[in-house]
PDB file of all heavy atoms in Angstrom:
ATOM      1  N   ASP A   1     -68.086 226.551 118.663  1.00  0.00           N
ATOM      2  CA  ASP A   1     -68.830 226.527 117.401  1.00  0.00           C
ATOM      3  C   ASP A   1     -68.208 225.557 116.406  1.00  0.00           C
ATOM      4  O   ASP A   1     -68.912 224.862 115.677  1.00  0.00           O
ATOM      5  CB  ASP A   1     -68.890 227.930 116.782  1.00  0.00           C
ATOM      6  CG  ASP A   1     -69.817 228.864 117.541  1.00  0.00           C
ATOM      7  OD1 ASP A   1     -70.672 228.358 118.296  1.00  0.00           O
ATOM      8  OD2 ASP A   1     -69.680 230.092 117.384  1.00  0.00           O
ATOM      9  N   TYR A   2     -66.882 225.526 116.386  1.00  0.00           N
ATOM     10  CA  TYR A   2     -66.196 224.657 115.431  1.00  0.00           C
ATOM     11  C   TYR A   2     -66.456 223.184 115.749  1.00  0.00           C
ATOM     12  O   TYR A   2     -66.786 222.389 114.862  1.00  0.00           O
ATOM     13  CB  TYR A   2     -64.695 224.954 115.429  1.00  0.00           C
ATOM     14  CG  TYR A   2     -63.950 224.287 114.293  1.00  0.00           C
ATOM     15  CD1 TYR A   2     -64.253 224.593 112.964  1.00  0.00           C
ATOM     16  CD2 TYR A   2     -62.942 223.364 114.535  1.00  0.00           C
ATOM     17  CE1 TYR A   2     -63.571 223.997 111.919  1.00  0.00           C
ATOM     18  CE2 TYR A   2     -62.249 222.761 113.502  1.00  0.00           C
ATOM     19  CZ  TYR A   2     -62.569 223.081 112.195  1.00  0.00           C
ATOM     20  OH  TYR A   2     -61.906 222.485 111.152  1.00  0.00           O
ATOM     21  N   PHE A   3     -66.320 222.825 117.005  1.00  0.00           N
ATOM     22  CA  PHE A   3     -66.583 221.434 117.391  1.00  0.00           C
ATOM     23  C   PHE A   3     -68.052 221.086 117.178  1.00  0.00           C
ATOM     24  O   PHE A   3     -68.383 219.990 116.723  1.00  0.00           O
ATOM     25  CB  PHE A   3     -66.168 221.176 118.845  1.00  0.00           C
ATOM     26  CG  PHE A   3     -64.727 220.789 118.984  1.00  0.00           C
ATOM     27  CD1 PHE A   3     -63.730 221.762 118.995  1.00  0.00           C
ATOM     28  CD2 PHE A   3     -64.352 219.462 119.075  1.00  0.00           C
ATOM     29  CE1 PHE A   3     -62.391 221.409 119.091  1.00  0.00           C
ATOM     30  CE2 PHE A   3     -63.018 219.089 119.179  1.00  0.00           C
ATOM     31  CZ  PHE A   3     -62.027 220.069 119.185  1.00  0.00           C
ATOM     32  N   ASN A   4     -68.929 222.021 117.461  1.00  0.00           N
ATOM     33  CA  ASN A   4     -70.368 221.769 117.296  1.00  0.00           C
ATOM     34  C   ASN A   4     -70.761 221.634 115.836  1.00  0.00           C
ATOM     35  O   ASN A   4     -71.839 221.117 115.524  1.00  0.00           O
ATOM     36  CB  ASN A   4     -71.175 222.880 117.963  1.00  0.00           C
ATOM     37  CG  ASN A   4     -72.612 222.475 118.225  1.00  0.00           C
ATOM     38  OD1 ASN A   4     -72.914 221.304 118.453  1.00  0.00           O
ATOM     39  ND2 ASN A   4     -73.513 223.435 118.158  1.00  0.00           N
ATOM     40  N   SER A   5     -69.877 222.078 114.933  1.00  0.00           N
ATOM     41  CA  SER A   5     -70.193 221.988 113.499  1.00  0.00           C
ATOM     42  C   SER A   5     -69.942 220.584 112.948  1.00  0.00           C
ATOM     43  O   SER A   5     -70.248 220.308 111.791  1.00  0.00           O
ATOM     44  CB  SER A   5     -69.348 222.993 112.707  1.00  0.00           C
ATOM     45  OG  SER A   5     -67.997 222.566 112.608  1.00  0.00           O
ATOM     46  N   ALA A   6     -69.367 219.695 113.776  1.00  0.00           N
ATOM     47  CA  ALA A   6     -69.039 218.342 113.315  1.00  0.00           C
ATOM     48  C   ALA A   6     -70.019 217.315 113.858  1.00  0.00           C
ATOM     49  O   ALA A   6     -70.483 217.416 114.992  1.00  0.00           O
ATOM     50  CB  ALA A   6     -67.622 217.976 113.752  1.00  0.00           C
ATOM     51  N   ARG A   7     -70.307 216.300 113.043  1.00  0.00           N
ATOM     52  CA  ARG A   7     -71.172 215.199 113.473  1.00  0.00           C
ATOM     53  C   ARG A   7     -70.461 214.275 114.445  1.00  0.00           C
ATOM     54  O   ARG A   7     -71.095 213.648 115.289  1.00  0.00           O
ATOM     55  CB  ARG A   7     -71.595 214.342 112.263  1.00  0.00           C
ATOM     56  CG  ARG A   7     -72.512 214.997 111.254  1.00  0.00           C
ATOM     57  CD  ARG A   7     -72.650 214.099 110.019  1.00  0.00           C
ATOM     58  NE  ARG A   7     -73.088 212.741 110.368  1.00  0.00           N
ATOM     59  CZ  ARG A   7     -72.945 211.677 109.578  1.00  0.00           C
ATOM     60  NH1 ARG A   7     -72.336 211.812 108.392  1.00  0.00           N
ATOM     61  NH2 ARG A   7     -73.391 210.494 109.949  1.00  0.00           N
ATOM     62  N   HIS A   8     -69.145 214.163 114.277  1.00  0.00           N
ATOM     63  CA  HIS A   8     -68.402 213.108 114.974  1.00  0.00           C
ATOM     64  C   HIS A   8     -67.033 213.612 115.411  1.00  0.00           C
ATOM     65  O   HIS A   8     -66.390 214.398 114.701  1.00  0.00           O
ATOM     66  CB  HIS A   8     -68.237 211.910 114.031  1.00  0.00           C
ATOM     67  CG  HIS A   8     -67.474 210.771 114.623  1.00  0.00           C
ATOM     68  ND1 HIS A   8     -68.040 209.876 115.504  1.00  0.00           N
ATOM     69  CD2 HIS A   8     -66.170 210.391 114.480  1.00  0.00           C
ATOM     70  CE1 HIS A   8     -67.137 208.989 115.870  1.00  0.00           C
ATOM     71  NE2 HIS A   8     -65.994 209.278 115.267  1.00  0.00           N
ATOM     72  N   LEU A   9     -66.581 213.134 116.574  1.00  0.00           N
ATOM     73  CA  LEU A   9     -65.232 213.409 117.069  1.00  0.00           C
ATOM     74  C   LEU A   9     -64.430 212.112 117.076  1.00  0.00           C
ATOM     75  O   LEU A   9     -64.885 211.104 117.615  1.00  0.00           O
ATOM     76  CB  LEU A   9     -65.298 213.962 118.498  1.00  0.00           C
ATOM     77  CG  LEU A   9     -63.964 214.011 119.270  1.00  0.00           C
ATOM     78  CD1 LEU A   9     -63.001 215.019 118.648  1.00  0.00           C
ATOM     79  CD2 LEU A   9     -64.202 214.346 120.748  1.00  0.00           C
ATOM     80  N   HIS A  10     -63.240 212.158 116.483  1.00  0.00           N
ATOM     81  CA  HIS A  10     -62.311 211.029 116.614  1.00  0.00           C
ATOM     82  C   HIS A  10     -61.091 211.498 117.385  1.00  0.00           C
ATOM     83  O   HIS A  10     -60.543 212.569 117.120  1.00  0.00           O
ATOM     84  CB  HIS A  10     -61.858 210.502 115.251  1.00  0.00           C
ATOM     85  CG  HIS A  10     -60.828 209.403 115.386  1.00  0.00           C
ATOM     86  ND1 HIS A  10     -61.137 208.167 115.930  1.00  0.00           N
ATOM     87  CD2 HIS A  10     -59.491 209.371 115.097  1.00  0.00           C
ATOM     88  CE1 HIS A  10     -60.046 207.409 115.953  1.00  0.00           C
ATOM     89  NE2 HIS A  10     -59.042 208.121 115.458  1.00  0.00           N
ATOM     90  N   MET A  11     -60.666 210.699 118.358  1.00  0.00           N
ATOM     91  CA  MET A  11     -59.451 211.036 119.092  1.00  0.00           C
ATOM     92  C   MET A  11     -58.647 209.788 119.413  1.00  0.00           C
ATOM     93  O   MET A  11     -59.143 208.664 119.303  1.00  0.00           O
ATOM     94  CB  MET A  11     -59.780 211.812 120.360  1.00  0.00           C
ATOM     95  CG  MET A  11     -60.634 211.075 121.360  1.00  0.00           C
ATOM     96  SD  MET A  11     -60.700 211.978 122.919  1.00  0.00           S
ATOM     97  CE  MET A  11     -59.164 211.435 123.689  1.00  0.00           C
ATOM     98  N   THR A  12     -57.397 210.001 119.778  1.00  0.00           N
ATOM     99  CA  THR A  12     -56.518 208.892 120.149  1.00  0.00           C
ATOM    100  C   THR A  12     -55.974 209.123 121.546  1.00  0.00           C
ATOM    101  O   THR A  12     -56.101 210.211 122.114  1.00  0.00           O
ATOM    102  CB  THR A  12     -55.327 208.753 119.173  1.00  0.00           C
ATOM    103  OG1 THR A  12     -54.328 209.735 119.511  1.00  0.00           O
ATOM    104  CG2 THR A  12     -55.761 208.921 117.717  1.00  0.00           C
ATOM    105  N   GLY A  13     -55.327 208.100 122.077  1.00  0.00           N
ATOM    106  CA  GLY A  13     -54.714 208.211 123.392  1.00  0.00           C
ATOM    107  C   GLY A  13     -53.360 208.887 123.368  1.00  0.00           C
ATOM    108  O   GLY A  13     -52.713 209.020 124.407  1.00  0.00           O
ATOM    109  N   ILE A  14     -52.920 209.325 122.176  1.00  0.00           N
ATOM    110  CA  ILE A  14     -51.631 210.006 122.087  1.00  0.00           C
ATOM    111  C   ILE A  14     -51.740 211.438 122.600  1.00  0.00           C
ATOM    112  O   ILE A  14     -50.936 211.885 123.420  1.00  0.00           O
ATOM    113  CB  ILE A  14     -51.101 209.989 120.637  1.00  0.00           C
ATOM    114  CG1 ILE A  14     -50.899 208.555 120.163  1.00  0.00           C
ATOM    115  CG2 ILE A  14     -49.795 210.777 120.534  1.00  0.00           C
ATOM    116  CD1 ILE A  14     -50.547 208.429 118.689  1.00  0.00           C
ATOM    117  N   SER A  15     -52.756 212.157 122.131  1.00  0.00           N
ATOM    118  CA  SER A  15     -52.904 213.578 122.496  1.00  0.00           C
ATOM    119  C   SER A  15     -52.923 213.811 123.999  1.00  0.00           C
ATOM    120  O   SER A  15     -52.172 214.662 124.504  1.00  0.00           O
ATOM    121  CB  SER A  15     -54.164 214.162 121.850  1.00  0.00           C
ATOM    122  OG  SER A  15     -54.085 214.064 120.457  1.00  0.00           O
ATOM    123  N   PRO A  16     -53.751 213.093 124.774  1.00  0.00           N
ATOM    124  CA  PRO A  16     -53.773 213.359 126.209  1.00  0.00           C
ATOM    125  C   PRO A  16     -52.477 212.995 126.925  1.00  0.00           C
ATOM    126  O   PRO A  16     -52.270 213.389 128.076  1.00  0.00           O
ATOM    127  CB  PRO A  16     -54.944 212.498 126.719  1.00  0.00           C
ATOM    128  CG  PRO A  16     -55.193 211.483 125.663  1.00  0.00           C
ATOM    129  CD  PRO A  16     -54.793 212.124 124.382  1.00  0.00           C
ATOM    130  N   ALA A  17     -51.591 212.254 126.249  1.00  0.00           N
ATOM    131  CA  ALA A  17     -50.301 211.894 126.853  1.00  0.00           C
ATOM    132  C   ALA A  17     -49.255 212.985 126.684  1.00  0.00           C
ATOM    133  O   ALA A  17     -48.217 212.971 127.354  1.00  0.00           O
ATOM    134  CB  ALA A  17     -49.782 210.596 126.232  1.00  0.00           C
ATOM    135  N   LEU A  18     -49.519 213.942 125.803  1.00  0.00           N
ATOM    136  CA  LEU A  18     -48.493 214.934 125.457  1.00  0.00           C
ATOM    137  C   LEU A  18     -48.236 215.946 126.561  1.00  0.00           C
ATOM    138  O   LEU A  18     -47.111 216.420 126.735  1.00  0.00           O
ATOM    139  CB  LEU A  18     -48.879 215.670 124.158  1.00  0.00           C
ATOM    140  CG  LEU A  18     -48.983 214.809 122.904  1.00  0.00           C
ATOM    141  CD1 LEU A  18     -49.423 215.652 121.724  1.00  0.00           C
ATOM    142  CD2 LEU A  18     -47.653 214.121 122.610  1.00  0.00           C
ATOM    143  N   SER A  19     -49.280 216.320 127.307  1.00  0.00           N
ATOM    144  CA  SER A  19     -49.140 217.317 128.373  1.00  0.00           C
ATOM    145  C   SER A  19     -50.427 217.367 129.177  1.00  0.00           C
ATOM    146  O   SER A  19     -51.469 216.848 128.748  1.00  0.00           O
ATOM    147  CB  SER A  19     -48.859 218.710 127.785  1.00  0.00           C
ATOM    148  OG  SER A  19     -49.976 219.157 127.025  1.00  0.00           O
ATOM    149  N   ALA A  20     -50.367 218.025 130.333  1.00  0.00           N
ATOM    150  CA  ALA A  20     -51.562 218.185 131.165  1.00  0.00           C
ATOM    151  C   ALA A  20     -52.616 219.002 130.430  1.00  0.00           C
ATOM    152  O   ALA A  20     -53.825 218.714 130.506  1.00  0.00           O
ATOM    153  CB  ALA A  20     -51.188 218.850 132.489  1.00  0.00           C
ATOM    154  N   SER A  21     -52.184 220.014 129.679  1.00  0.00           N
ATOM    155  CA  SER A  21     -53.154 220.856 128.967  1.00  0.00           C
ATOM    156  C   SER A  21     -53.807 220.100 127.811  1.00  0.00           C
ATOM    157  O   SER A  21     -54.987 220.307 127.513  1.00  0.00           O
ATOM    158  CB  SER A  21     -52.494 222.144 128.457  1.00  0.00           C
ATOM    159  OG  SER A  21     -51.529 221.869 127.456  1.00  0.00           O
ATOM    160  N   CYS A  22     -53.056 219.188 127.170  1.00  0.00           N
ATOM    161  CA  CYS A  22     -53.638 218.371 126.100  1.00  0.00           C
ATOM    162  C   CYS A  22     -54.641 217.373 126.672  1.00  0.00           C
ATOM    163  O   CYS A  22     -55.681 217.105 126.057  1.00  0.00           O
ATOM    164  CB  CYS A  22     -52.535 217.622 125.342  1.00  0.00           C
ATOM    165  SG  CYS A  22     -51.601 218.640 124.190  1.00  0.00           S
ATOM    166  N   HIS A  23     -54.337 216.832 127.842  1.00  0.00           N
ATOM    167  CA  HIS A  23     -55.278 215.917 128.499  1.00  0.00           C
ATOM    168  C   HIS A  23     -56.561 216.655 128.863  1.00  0.00           C
ATOM    169  O   HIS A  23     -57.664 216.145 128.657  1.00  0.00           O
ATOM    170  CB  HIS A  23     -54.641 215.311 129.747  1.00  0.00           C
ATOM    171  CG  HIS A  23     -55.578 214.446 130.531  1.00  0.00           C
ATOM    172  ND1 HIS A  23     -56.138 214.848 131.719  1.00  0.00           N
ATOM    173  CD2 HIS A  23     -56.091 213.211 130.272  1.00  0.00           C
ATOM    174  CE1 HIS A  23     -56.948 213.898 132.177  1.00  0.00           C
ATOM    175  NE2 HIS A  23     -56.940 212.901 131.310  1.00  0.00           N
ATOM    176  N   GLU A  24     -56.419 217.870 129.371  1.00  0.00           N
ATOM    177  CA  GLU A  24     -57.580 218.686 129.727  1.00  0.00           C
ATOM    178  C   GLU A  24     -58.415 218.993 128.479  1.00  0.00           C
ATOM    179  O   GLU A  24     -59.647 218.927 128.503  1.00  0.00           O
ATOM    180  CB  GLU A  24     -57.102 219.987 130.386  1.00  0.00           C
ATOM    181  CG  GLU A  24     -58.224 220.836 130.962  1.00  0.00           C
ATOM    182  CD  GLU A  24     -57.716 222.110 131.621  1.00  0.00           C
ATOM    183  OE1 GLU A  24     -56.627 222.601 131.231  1.00  0.00           O
ATOM    184  OE2 GLU A  24     -58.415 222.634 132.502  1.00  0.00           O
ATOM    185  N   PHE A  25     -57.739 219.308 127.378  1.00  0.00           N
ATOM    186  CA  PHE A  25     -58.415 219.590 126.104  1.00  0.00           C
ATOM    187  C   PHE A  25     -59.195 218.365 125.647  1.00  0.00           C
ATOM    188  O   PHE A  25     -60.349 218.467 125.233  1.00  0.00           O
ATOM    189  CB  PHE A  25     -57.368 219.983 125.051  1.00  0.00           C
ATOM    190  CG  PHE A  25     -57.942 220.448 123.744  1.00  0.00           C
ATOM    191  CD1 PHE A  25     -58.033 221.799 123.453  1.00  0.00           C
ATOM    192  CD2 PHE A  25     -58.391 219.541 122.783  1.00  0.00           C
ATOM    193  CE1 PHE A  25     -58.553 222.251 122.237  1.00  0.00           C
ATOM    194  CE2 PHE A  25     -58.914 219.965 121.576  1.00  0.00           C
ATOM    195  CZ  PHE A  25     -58.996 221.324 121.304  1.00  0.00           C
ATOM    196  N   ALA A  26     -58.556 217.189 125.733  1.00  0.00           N
ATOM    197  CA  ALA A  26     -59.188 215.941 125.271  1.00  0.00           C
ATOM    198  C   ALA A  26     -60.451 215.630 126.063  1.00  0.00           C
ATOM    199  O   ALA A  26     -61.503 215.313 125.498  1.00  0.00           O
ATOM    200  CB  ALA A  26     -58.202 214.785 125.376  1.00  0.00           C
ATOM    201  N   LEU A  27     -60.354 215.720 127.381  1.00  0.00           N
ATOM    202  CA  LEU A  27     -61.507 215.416 128.232  1.00  0.00           C
ATOM    203  C   LEU A  27     -62.633 216.410 127.990  1.00  0.00           C
ATOM    204  O   LEU A  27     -63.807 216.029 127.896  1.00  0.00           O
ATOM    205  CB  LEU A  27     -61.087 215.437 129.705  1.00  0.00           C
ATOM    206  CG  LEU A  27     -62.156 215.056 130.729  1.00  0.00           C
ATOM    207  CD1 LEU A  27     -62.695 213.646 130.457  1.00  0.00           C
ATOM    208  CD2 LEU A  27     -61.589 215.158 132.148  1.00  0.00           C
ATOM    209  N   HIS A  28     -62.275 217.678 127.843  1.00  0.00           N
ATOM    210  CA  HIS A  28     -63.281 218.719 127.575  1.00  0.00           C
ATOM    211  C   HIS A  28     -63.969 218.464 126.236  1.00  0.00           C
ATOM    212  O   HIS A  28     -65.197 218.592 126.122  1.00  0.00           O
ATOM    213  CB  HIS A  28     -62.621 220.100 127.579  1.00  0.00           C
ATOM    214  CG  HIS A  28     -63.583 221.220 127.322  1.00  0.00           C
ATOM    215  ND1 HIS A  28     -64.444 221.717 128.286  1.00  0.00           N
ATOM    216  CD2 HIS A  28     -63.853 221.926 126.185  1.00  0.00           C
ATOM    217  CE1 HIS A  28     -65.176 222.682 127.769  1.00  0.00           C
ATOM    218  NE2 HIS A  28     -64.839 222.830 126.495  1.00  0.00           N
ATOM    219  N   ALA A  29     -63.179 218.097 125.219  1.00  0.00           N
ATOM    220  CA  ALA A  29     -63.748 217.841 123.879  1.00  0.00           C
ATOM    221  C   ALA A  29     -64.745 216.688 123.923  1.00  0.00           C
ATOM    222  O   ALA A  29     -65.827 216.759 123.326  1.00  0.00           O
ATOM    223  CB  ALA A  29     -62.625 217.536 122.889  1.00  0.00           C
ATOM    224  N   MET A  30     -64.394 215.629 124.631  1.00  0.00           N
ATOM    225  CA  MET A  30     -65.282 214.468 124.725  1.00  0.00           C
ATOM    226  C   MET A  30     -66.584 214.830 125.453  1.00  0.00           C
ATOM    227  O   MET A  30     -67.680 214.502 124.997  1.00  0.00           O
ATOM    228  CB  MET A  30     -64.581 213.317 125.451  1.00  0.00           C
ATOM    229  CG  MET A  30     -63.387 212.765 124.712  1.00  0.00           C
ATOM    230  SD  MET A  30     -62.600 211.382 125.586  1.00  0.00           S
ATOM    231  CE  MET A  30     -63.402 209.994 124.785  1.00  0.00           C
ATOM    232  N   LYS A  31     -66.455 215.524 126.569  1.00  0.00           N
ATOM    233  CA  LYS A  31     -67.647 215.903 127.335  1.00  0.00           C
ATOM    234  C   LYS A  31     -68.526 216.867 126.541  1.00  0.00           C
ATOM    235  O   LYS A  31     -69.756 216.762 126.544  1.00  0.00           O
ATOM    236  CB  LYS A  31     -67.239 216.537 128.670  1.00  0.00           C
ATOM    237  CG  LYS A  31     -66.670 215.539 129.671  1.00  0.00           C
ATOM    238  CD  LYS A  31     -66.313 216.225 130.983  1.00  0.00           C
ATOM    239  CE  LYS A  31     -65.870 215.219 132.033  1.00  0.00           C
ATOM    240  NZ  LYS A  31     -65.475 215.885 133.310  1.00  0.00           N
ATOM    241  N   PHE A  32     -67.885 217.801 125.829  1.00  0.00           N
ATOM    242  CA  PHE A  32     -68.627 218.769 125.015  1.00  0.00           C
ATOM    243  C   PHE A  32     -69.402 218.065 123.910  1.00  0.00           C
ATOM    244  O   PHE A  32     -70.596 218.311 123.719  1.00  0.00           O
ATOM    245  CB  PHE A  32     -67.658 219.794 124.413  1.00  0.00           C
ATOM    246  CG  PHE A  32     -68.331 220.793 123.505  1.00  0.00           C
ATOM    247  CD1 PHE A  32     -68.909 221.940 124.015  1.00  0.00           C
ATOM    248  CD2 PHE A  32     -68.393 220.581 122.125  1.00  0.00           C
ATOM    249  CE1 PHE A  32     -69.537 222.864 123.181  1.00  0.00           C
ATOM    250  CE2 PHE A  32     -69.022 221.480 121.287  1.00  0.00           C
ATOM    251  CZ  PHE A  32     -69.594 222.636 121.811  1.00  0.00           C
ATOM    252  N   MET A  33     -68.728 217.175 123.177  1.00  0.00           N
ATOM    253  CA  MET A  33     -69.381 216.496 122.054  1.00  0.00           C
ATOM    254  C   MET A  33     -70.498 215.574 122.528  1.00  0.00           C
ATOM    255  O   MET A  33     -71.550 215.466 121.895  1.00  0.00           O
ATOM    256  CB  MET A  33     -68.346 215.730 121.230  1.00  0.00           C
ATOM    257  CG  MET A  33     -67.350 216.626 120.507  1.00  0.00           C
ATOM    258  SD  MET A  33     -68.092 217.724 119.274  1.00  0.00           S
ATOM    259  CE  MET A  33     -68.053 216.672 117.820  1.00  0.00           C
ATOM    260  N   ARG A  34     -70.286 214.911 123.648  1.00  0.00           N
ATOM    261  CA  ARG A  34     -71.338 214.040 124.184  1.00  0.00           C
ATOM    262  C   ARG A  34     -72.556 214.870 124.584  1.00  0.00           C
ATOM    263  O   ARG A  34     -73.698 214.484 124.328  1.00  0.00           O
ATOM    264  CB  ARG A  34     -70.799 213.244 125.371  1.00  0.00           C
ATOM    265  CG  ARG A  34     -71.872 212.437 126.065  1.00  0.00           C
ATOM    266  CD  ARG A  34     -71.314 211.221 126.768  1.00  0.00           C
ATOM    267  NE  ARG A  34     -71.094 210.132 125.830  1.00  0.00           N
ATOM    268  CZ  ARG A  34     -70.835 208.877 126.207  1.00  0.00           C
ATOM    269  NH1 ARG A  34     -70.740 208.576 127.488  1.00  0.00           N
ATOM    270  NH2 ARG A  34     -70.658 207.934 125.318  1.00  0.00           N
ATOM    271  N   LYS A  35     -72.326 216.013 125.201  1.00  0.00           N
ATOM    272  CA  LYS A  35     -73.432 216.895 125.614  1.00  0.00           C
ATOM    273  C   LYS A  35     -74.228 217.379 124.400  1.00  0.00           C
ATOM    274  O   LYS A  35     -75.438 217.587 124.472  1.00  0.00           O
ATOM    275  CB  LYS A  35     -72.883 218.091 126.398  1.00  0.00           C
ATOM    276  CG  LYS A  35     -73.947 218.939 127.076  1.00  0.00           C
ATOM    277  CD  LYS A  35     -73.322 220.041 127.906  1.00  0.00           C
ATOM    278  CE  LYS A  35     -74.390 220.900 128.563  1.00  0.00           C
ATOM    279  NZ  LYS A  35     -73.786 222.019 129.345  1.00  0.00           N
ATOM    280  N   GLN A  36     -73.527 217.537 123.267  1.00  0.00           N
ATOM    281  CA  GLN A  36     -74.184 217.995 122.032  1.00  0.00           C
ATOM    282  C   GLN A  36     -74.852 216.852 121.281  1.00  0.00           C
ATOM    283  O   GLN A  36     -75.438 217.054 120.221  1.00  0.00           O
ATOM    284  CB  GLN A  36     -73.161 218.675 121.110  1.00  0.00           C
ATOM    285  CG  GLN A  36     -72.441 219.870 121.717  1.00  0.00           C
ATOM    286  CD  GLN A  36     -73.376 220.974 122.142  1.00  0.00           C
ATOM    287  OE1 GLN A  36     -74.347 221.269 121.461  1.00  0.00           O
ATOM    288  NE2 GLN A  36     -73.099 221.593 123.287  1.00  0.00           N
ATOM    289  N   GLY A  37     -74.736 215.619 121.807  1.00  0.00           N
ATOM    290  CA  GLY A  37     -75.369 214.468 121.162  1.00  0.00           C
ATOM    291  C   GLY A  37     -74.607 213.936 119.965  1.00  0.00           C
ATOM    292  O   GLY A  37     -75.172 213.242 119.114  1.00  0.00           O
ATOM    293  N   LYS A  38     -73.307 214.242 119.882  1.00  0.00           N
ATOM    294  CA  LYS A  38     -72.477 213.760 118.769  1.00  0.00           C
ATOM    295  C   LYS A  38     -71.886 212.394 119.120  1.00  0.00           C
ATOM    296  O   LYS A  38     -71.840 212.006 120.287  1.00  0.00           O
ATOM    297  CB  LYS A  38     -71.331 214.731 118.498  1.00  0.00           C
ATOM    298  CG  LYS A  38     -71.720 216.197 118.540  1.00  0.00           C
ATOM    299  CD  LYS A  38     -72.486 216.638 117.311  1.00  0.00           C
ATOM    300  CE  LYS A  38     -72.673 218.158 117.334  1.00  0.00           C
ATOM    301  NZ  LYS A  38     -73.098 218.690 116.040  1.00  0.00           N
ATOM    302  N   THR A  39     -71.397 211.681 118.113  1.00  0.00           N
ATOM    303  CA  THR A  39     -70.714 210.411 118.372  1.00  0.00           C
ATOM    304  C   THR A  39     -69.215 210.652 118.532  1.00  0.00           C
ATOM    305  O   THR A  39     -68.658 211.596 117.960  1.00  0.00           O
ATOM    306  CB  THR A  39     -70.958 209.399 117.242  1.00  0.00           C
ATOM    307  OG1 THR A  39     -70.695 210.020 115.970  1.00  0.00           O
ATOM    308  CG2 THR A  39     -72.393 208.889 117.273  1.00  0.00           C
TER     309      THR A  39
END
């Protein structure tokens, strides 16, 4: 719900480098926002 409340997602290549779980979070966030039609 929180991510869906935003028009846009900004991310960097730092977060997915921090750990396997952060990389998983980053990829999930991108796929989720794209599915919702966000930029």
